[in-house]
Protein backbone atom coordinates (compact mmCIF):
# COMPACT_ATOMS: atom_id res chain seq x y z
CA MET A 1 -0.03 -0.02 0.12
CA ILE A 2 1.03 3.48 -0.71
CA PRO A 3 1.07 5.95 2.18
CA ALA A 4 -1.36 8.68 1.93
CA TYR A 5 1.38 11.31 1.74
CA SER A 6 2.75 9.66 -0.94
CA LYS A 7 -0.31 9.82 -2.98
CA ALA A 8 -0.65 13.49 -2.26
CA MET A 9 3.05 14.18 -3.16
CA LYS A 10 2.62 12.37 -6.45
CA ALA A 11 -0.64 14.38 -7.26
CA ILE A 12 1.27 17.64 -6.33
CA LEU A 13 4.41 16.55 -8.51
CA THR A 14 2.14 15.60 -11.40
CA ALA A 15 0.14 19.03 -10.99
CA SER A 16 3.60 20.96 -10.93
CA ILE A 17 4.93 19.19 -13.92
CA ALA A 18 1.79 19.67 -15.89
CA LEU A 19 1.67 23.54 -15.14
CA ALA A 20 5.35 23.79 -15.95
CA LEU A 21 4.67 21.94 -19.45
CA ALA A 22 1.40 24.12 -19.98
CA ALA A 23 3.43 27.27 -19.23
CA CYS A 24 6.27 26.24 -21.76
CA SER A 25 3.86 25.06 -24.50
CA GLU A 26 1.58 28.07 -24.40
CA PRO A 27 1.48 29.58 -28.00
CA PRO A 28 3.16 32.94 -28.17
CA PRO A 29 0.62 35.91 -28.26
CA PRO A 30 -0.62 37.00 -31.42
CA PRO A 31 1.74 39.22 -33.38
CA LYS A 32 0.78 43.00 -33.26
CA PRO A 33 -0.68 44.30 -36.49
CA ALA A 34 1.98 45.94 -38.86
CA ALA A 35 1.70 49.76 -39.18
CA PRO A 36 1.04 50.79 -42.56
CA ALA A 37 3.92 51.25 -44.57
CA SER A 38 5.01 54.98 -44.67
CA PRO A 39 8.40 56.67 -45.55
CA PRO A 40 10.66 57.59 -42.91
CA PRO A 41 10.55 61.07 -41.80
CA GLN A 42 13.33 63.05 -43.58
CA ALA A 43 14.84 65.98 -42.12
CA GLU A 44 14.31 69.24 -44.06
CA ALA A 45 17.08 70.38 -46.04
CA PRO A 46 18.36 73.91 -45.17
CA LYS A 47 16.84 76.39 -47.45
CA ALA A 48 19.53 78.17 -49.46
CA PRO A 49 19.52 82.09 -49.51
CA ALA A 50 17.68 83.38 -52.36
CA SER A 51 20.99 84.24 -54.20
CA GLU A 52 21.92 80.63 -53.98
CA ALA A 53 18.85 79.39 -55.09
CA LYS A 54 19.22 79.97 -58.67
CA ALA A 55 20.62 77.42 -61.06
CA PRO A 56 24.47 78.08 -61.95
CA GLU A 57 24.56 79.83 -65.29
CA ALA A 58 26.16 77.93 -68.26
CA PRO A 59 29.57 79.03 -68.89
CA LYS A 60 29.71 81.80 -71.27
CA PRO A 61 31.38 80.85 -74.68
CA ASP A 62 34.96 82.21 -75.29
CA PRO A 63 34.50 84.76 -77.99
CA ASN A 64 38.22 84.17 -79.33
CA LYS A 65 37.59 80.33 -79.58
CA GLU A 66 34.36 81.40 -81.42
CA LEU A 67 36.27 83.73 -83.86
CA ALA A 68 38.94 81.27 -84.53
CA SER A 69 36.21 78.54 -85.20
CA ARG A 70 34.48 80.92 -87.61
CA VAL A 71 37.81 81.59 -89.51
CA LYS A 72 38.76 77.89 -89.67
CA ARG A 73 35.27 77.22 -91.32
CA ALA A 74 35.61 79.96 -93.75
CA LEU A 75 38.98 78.54 -94.77
CA GLU A 76 37.64 75.10 -95.16
CA GLY A 77 34.83 76.63 -97.52
CA GLU A 78 37.43 78.09 -99.82
CA ALA A 79 38.00 75.16 -102.49
CA LYS A 80 41.59 76.30 -103.18
CA ILE A 81 42.83 76.31 -99.66
CA GLN A 82 44.14 73.06 -97.99
CA ALA A 83 42.53 74.24 -94.55
CA ALA A 84 43.63 70.96 -92.95
CA GLY A 85 47.16 72.17 -92.49
CA ILE A 86 46.04 75.42 -90.86
CA ASP A 87 45.47 76.18 -87.28
CA VAL A 88 43.78 79.39 -86.24
CA THR A 89 43.99 81.28 -83.06
CA ALA A 90 42.54 84.64 -82.18
CA THR A 91 42.82 87.49 -79.45
CA ASP A 92 40.39 90.29 -79.42
CA GLY A 93 39.88 90.17 -83.21
CA LYS A 94 43.17 89.65 -84.12
CA VAL A 95 43.66 86.17 -86.01
CA THR A 96 46.65 84.26 -86.30
CA LEU A 97 47.29 81.66 -89.12
CA TRP A 98 49.56 78.70 -88.30
CA GLY A 99 50.81 75.91 -90.38
CA THR A 100 51.63 75.24 -94.04
CA THR A 101 50.55 75.76 -97.61
CA ALA A 102 51.53 74.17 -100.84
CA THR A 103 51.96 77.56 -102.38
CA ALA A 104 52.42 81.41 -101.81
CA ALA A 105 49.11 81.82 -103.51
CA GLU A 106 47.28 79.67 -101.16
CA ARG A 107 49.05 81.28 -98.33
CA ASN A 108 47.75 84.73 -99.44
CA ARG A 109 44.01 83.20 -100.39
CA ALA A 110 44.14 82.00 -96.68
CA GLY A 111 45.15 85.34 -95.25
CA GLN A 112 42.43 87.19 -97.54
CA ALA A 113 39.81 84.78 -96.41
CA ALA A 114 40.47 85.17 -92.79
CA ALA A 115 40.38 88.89 -93.17
CA LYS A 116 36.64 88.83 -94.59
CA VAL A 117 35.25 87.01 -91.56
CA ASP A 118 33.13 89.24 -89.26
CA GLY A 119 34.91 90.35 -86.06
CA VAL A 120 38.37 89.98 -87.63
CA THR A 121 40.30 93.14 -87.08
CA SER A 122 43.80 92.00 -88.32
CA VAL A 123 45.34 88.86 -89.65
CA ASP A 124 48.77 87.78 -88.74
CA ASN A 125 49.82 85.23 -91.49
CA GLN A 126 52.27 82.94 -90.19
CA LEU A 127 51.57 80.38 -92.70
CA LYS A 128 54.89 78.71 -94.36
CA VAL A 129 55.03 77.63 -97.84
CA VAL A 130 56.56 74.05 -98.22
CA LYS A 131 56.13 73.28 -101.86
CA GLY A 132 57.48 75.69 -104.65
CA SER A 133 56.63 79.43 -104.49
């Protein structure tokens, strides 16, 4: 026979084990509903003073380069001038021709063609004749 206290101890022990297992096996609480997706708050960018708020202006074209380019195109448009051998520089309306020509006549034509371009105030013809004269 089992003594009475032993039955009571068994009952208490069984109840304790059952409670411990029940506590461990409880399902976790349901997850909280997710908050609607929203972008994270952004810090406001510091406002620039009105003078800095304007977009930067495009760099102004160099008038000397533009003039040299117009003279080069004029030389290329002349049938009797081999413009590929001629470089053009410009400073405040003064145009300088650099390079080589086949004849003295071609050298002179290049100088005259350059002088006709709008904006040219003078021509410094530094072209060298490499074939004949």
